[in-house]
C-alpha atoms as a PDB file:
ATOM      1  CA  PRO A   1      40.181  52.567 -95.303  1.00  0.00           C
ATOM      2  CA  ARG A   2      37.054  51.453 -93.507  1.00  0.00           C
ATOM      3  CA  ALA A   3      36.737  54.658 -91.438  1.00  0.00           C
ATOM      4  CA  ILE A   4      36.495  56.749 -94.612  1.00  0.00           C
ATOM      5  CA  ARG A   5      33.876  54.433 -96.127  1.00  0.00           C
ATOM      6  CA  ASP A   6      31.855  54.685 -92.900  1.00  0.00           C
ATOM      7  CA  VAL A   7      31.958  58.492 -93.108  1.00  0.00           C
ATOM      8  CA  TYR A   8      30.639  58.370 -96.676  1.00  0.00           C
ATOM      9  CA  LYS A   9      27.859  55.977 -95.657  1.00  0.00           C
ATOM     10  CA  ARG A  10      26.881  58.244 -92.763  1.00  0.00           C
ATOM     11  CA  GLN A  11      26.895  61.320 -95.031  1.00  0.00           C
ATOM     12  CA  ALA A  12      24.752  59.571 -97.656  1.00  0.00           C
ATOM     13  CA  LEU A  13      22.216  58.468 -95.041  1.00  0.00           C
ATOM     14  CA  GLN A  14      22.097  61.933 -93.485  1.00  0.00           C
ATOM     15  CA  ALA A  15      21.465  63.493 -96.913  1.00  0.00           C
ATOM     16  CA  ALA A  16      18.740  61.037 -97.908  1.00  0.00           C
ATOM     17  CA  PRO A  17      15.192  62.281 -97.301  1.00  0.00           C
ATOM     18  CA  MET A  18      13.405  60.167 -94.718  1.00  0.00           C
ATOM     19  CA  ALA A  19      10.053  60.443 -92.987  1.00  0.00           C
ATOM     20  CA  ASP A  20       8.416  58.444 -90.242  1.00  0.00           C
ATOM     21  CA  ALA A  21       7.206  55.104 -91.581  1.00  0.00           C
ATOM     22  CA  ARG A  22       3.443  54.610 -91.908  1.00  0.00           C
ATOM     23  CA  ILE A  23       3.884  50.895 -91.258  1.00  0.00           C
ATOM     24  CA  PRO A  24       6.531  49.322 -89.001  1.00  0.00           C
ATOM     25  CA  VAL A  25       9.878  48.547 -90.616  1.00  0.00           C
ATOM     26  CA  TYR A  26      11.600  45.510 -89.107  1.00  0.00           C
ATOM     27  CA  GLN A  27      15.300  46.280 -89.117  1.00  0.00           C
ATOM     28  CA  ASN A  28      17.850  43.475 -89.146  1.00  0.00           C
ATOM     29  CA  VAL A  29      20.212  45.301 -86.801  1.00  0.00           C
ATOM     30  CA  HIS A  30      18.020  44.198 -83.877  1.00  0.00           C
ATOM     31  CA  GLY A  31      14.983  42.459 -85.391  1.00  0.00           C
ATOM     32  CA  LEU A  32      12.404  44.887 -84.007  1.00  0.00           C
ATOM     33  CA  PRO A  33       9.797  47.098 -85.718  1.00  0.00           C
ATOM     34  CA  VAL A  34      10.564  50.825 -85.985  1.00  0.00           C
ATOM     35  CA  THR A  35       8.527  53.757 -87.316  1.00  0.00           C
ATOM     36  CA  ASP A  36      10.303  57.001 -86.362  1.00  0.00           C
ATOM     37  CA  SER A  37      12.669  58.410 -88.982  1.00  0.00           C
ATOM     38  CA  GLY A  38      15.507  59.123 -86.546  1.00  0.00           C
ATOM     39  CA  SER A  39      15.681  55.507 -85.415  1.00  0.00           C
ATOM     40  CA  LEU A  40      15.276  54.251 -88.974  1.00  0.00           C
ATOM     41  CA  ARG A  41      18.247  56.346 -90.099  1.00  0.00           C
ATOM     42  CA  ARG A  42      20.478  55.335 -87.149  1.00  0.00           C
ATOM     43  CA  ASN A  43      19.603  51.679 -87.532  1.00  0.00           C
ATOM     44  CA  LEU A  44      20.241  51.725 -91.281  1.00  0.00           C
ATOM     45  CA  LEU A  45      23.784  52.915 -90.658  1.00  0.00           C
ATOM     46  CA  ALA A  46      24.295  50.262 -87.979  1.00  0.00           C
ATOM     47  CA  GLN A  47      22.808  47.673 -90.325  1.00  0.00           C
ATOM     48  CA  LEU A  48      25.485  48.441 -92.930  1.00  0.00           C
ATOM     49  CA  THR A  49      28.274  47.668 -90.490  1.00  0.00           C
ATOM     50  CA  SER A  50      26.779  45.168 -88.012  1.00  0.00           C
ATOM     51  CA  PRO A  51      25.757  41.514 -88.130  1.00  0.00           C
ATOM     52  CA  VAL A  52      22.309  40.763 -89.518  1.00  0.00           C
ATOM     53  CA  HIS A  53      19.777  39.392 -87.005  1.00  0.00           C
ATOM     54  CA  TRP A  54      17.702  37.607 -89.639  1.00  0.00           C
ATOM     55  CA  HIS A  55      16.333  34.891 -87.365  1.00  0.00           C
ATOM     56  CA  ASP A  56      15.272  37.403 -84.687  1.00  0.00           C
ATOM     57  CA  THR A  57      13.646  39.618 -87.326  1.00  0.00           C
ATOM     58  CA  MET A  58      11.605  36.762 -88.769  1.00  0.00           C
ATOM     59  CA  LEU A  59      10.524  35.569 -85.313  1.00  0.00           C
ATOM     60  CA  ALA A  60       9.391  39.101 -84.412  1.00  0.00           C
ATOM     61  CA  MET A  61       7.392  39.417 -87.626  1.00  0.00           C
ATOM     62  CA  LEU A  62       5.768  36.019 -87.140  1.00  0.00           C
ATOM     63  CA  LYS A  63       4.944  36.905 -83.522  1.00  0.00           C
ATOM     64  CA  ASP A  64       3.268  40.076 -84.833  1.00  0.00           C
ATOM     65  CA  LYS A  65       1.090  37.902 -87.119  1.00  0.00           C
ATOM     66  CA  ALA A  66       2.862  38.428 -90.469  1.00  0.00           C
ATOM     67  CA  ASP A  67       1.550  35.670 -92.716  1.00  0.00           C
ATOM     68  CA  VAL A  68       2.933  36.513 -96.175  1.00  0.00           C
ATOM     69  CA  PHE A  69       6.493  37.526 -97.018  1.00  0.00           C
ATOM     70  CA  TRP A  70       7.947  38.827-100.299  1.00  0.00           C
ATOM     71  CA  GLU A  71      11.573  38.268-101.229  1.00  0.00           C
ATOM     72  CA  VAL A  72      12.513  41.028-103.651  1.00  0.00           C
ATOM     73  CA  GLY A  73      15.648  40.310-105.658  1.00  0.00           C
ATOM     74  CA  PRO A  74      17.291  37.456-107.502  1.00  0.00           C
ATOM     75  CA  GLY A  75      17.449  34.023-105.929  1.00  0.00           C
ATOM     76  CA  GLY A  76      15.541  32.485-103.065  1.00  0.00           C
ATOM     77  CA  VAL A  77      18.018  32.251-100.196  1.00  0.00           C
ATOM     78  CA  LEU A  78      15.927  34.257 -97.750  1.00  0.00           C
ATOM     79  CA  ARG A  79      12.806  32.296 -98.642  1.00  0.00           C
ATOM     80  CA  GLY A  80      14.687  29.078 -97.859  1.00  0.00           C
ATOM     81  CA  LEU A  81      15.858  30.450 -94.518  1.00  0.00           C
ATOM     82  CA  LEU A  82      12.320  31.511 -93.639  1.00  0.00           C
ATOM     83  CA  LYS A  83      11.003  28.022 -94.427  1.00  0.00           C
ATOM     84  CA  ARG A  84      13.472  26.620 -91.878  1.00  0.00           C
ATOM     85  CA  ILE A  85      11.987  28.903 -89.203  1.00  0.00           C
ATOM     86  CA  GLU A  86       8.303  28.395 -90.066  1.00  0.00           C
ATOM     87  CA  ARG A  87       7.511  25.894 -92.792  1.00  0.00           C
ATOM     88  CA  ARG A  88       3.861  26.951 -93.263  1.00  0.00           C
ATOM     89  CA  THR A  89       4.673  30.599 -93.951  1.00  0.00           C
ATOM     90  CA  ARG A  90       3.900  31.821 -97.459  1.00  0.00           C
ATOM     91  CA  CYS A  91       6.826  33.523 -99.203  1.00  0.00           C
ATOM     92  CA  VAL A  92       6.530  34.978-102.703  1.00  0.00           C
ATOM     93  CA  ALA A  93       9.626  35.519-104.840  1.00  0.00           C
ATOM     94  CA  ILE A  94       9.788  38.747-106.822  1.00  0.00           C
ATOM     95  CA  GLY A  95      13.066  38.482-108.698  1.00  0.00           C
ATOM     96  CA  THR A  96      12.717  40.081-112.109  1.00  0.00           C
ATOM     97  CA  PHE A  97      11.860  43.569-113.311  1.00  0.00           C
ATOM     98  CA  GLU A  98       8.607  42.231-114.746  1.00  0.00           C
ATOM     99  CA  GLU A  99       7.636  40.604-111.432  1.00  0.00           C
ATOM    100  CA  VAL A 100       8.382  43.807-109.514  1.00  0.00           C
ATOM    101  CA  SER A 101       6.362  45.861-112.023  1.00  0.00           C
ATOM    102  CA  ALA A 102       3.402  43.485-111.785  1.00  0.00           C
ATOM    103  CA  PHE A 103       3.573  43.559-107.978  1.00  0.00           C
ATOM    104  CA  VAL A 104       3.644  47.382-107.870  1.00  0.00           C
ATOM    105  CA  LYS A 105       0.634  47.586-110.197  1.00  0.00           C
ATOM    106  CA  LYS A 106      -1.415  45.415-107.819  1.00  0.00           C
END
């Protein structure tokens, strides 16, 4: 049942080590930047079970002068969605292990 899965998710998030973020983390549960670990943890749990506010998140990041985005993972769906919001925004796809390794080394 869903209630049991939610308990396991909550337990896993509570057990995971987490510190305050050094740079703001924009969380899709509300689209706003967060740095304190307590809010990050609470919002991560909500993000697992709530609708994603992708559009709001991208608008907030653009408003805060983000000018380059990286889509990490296979495919380019998020990059395509971002281009619909702001066509001139640069978005780099990092979809393979080799691309992630090269990015980390930079």
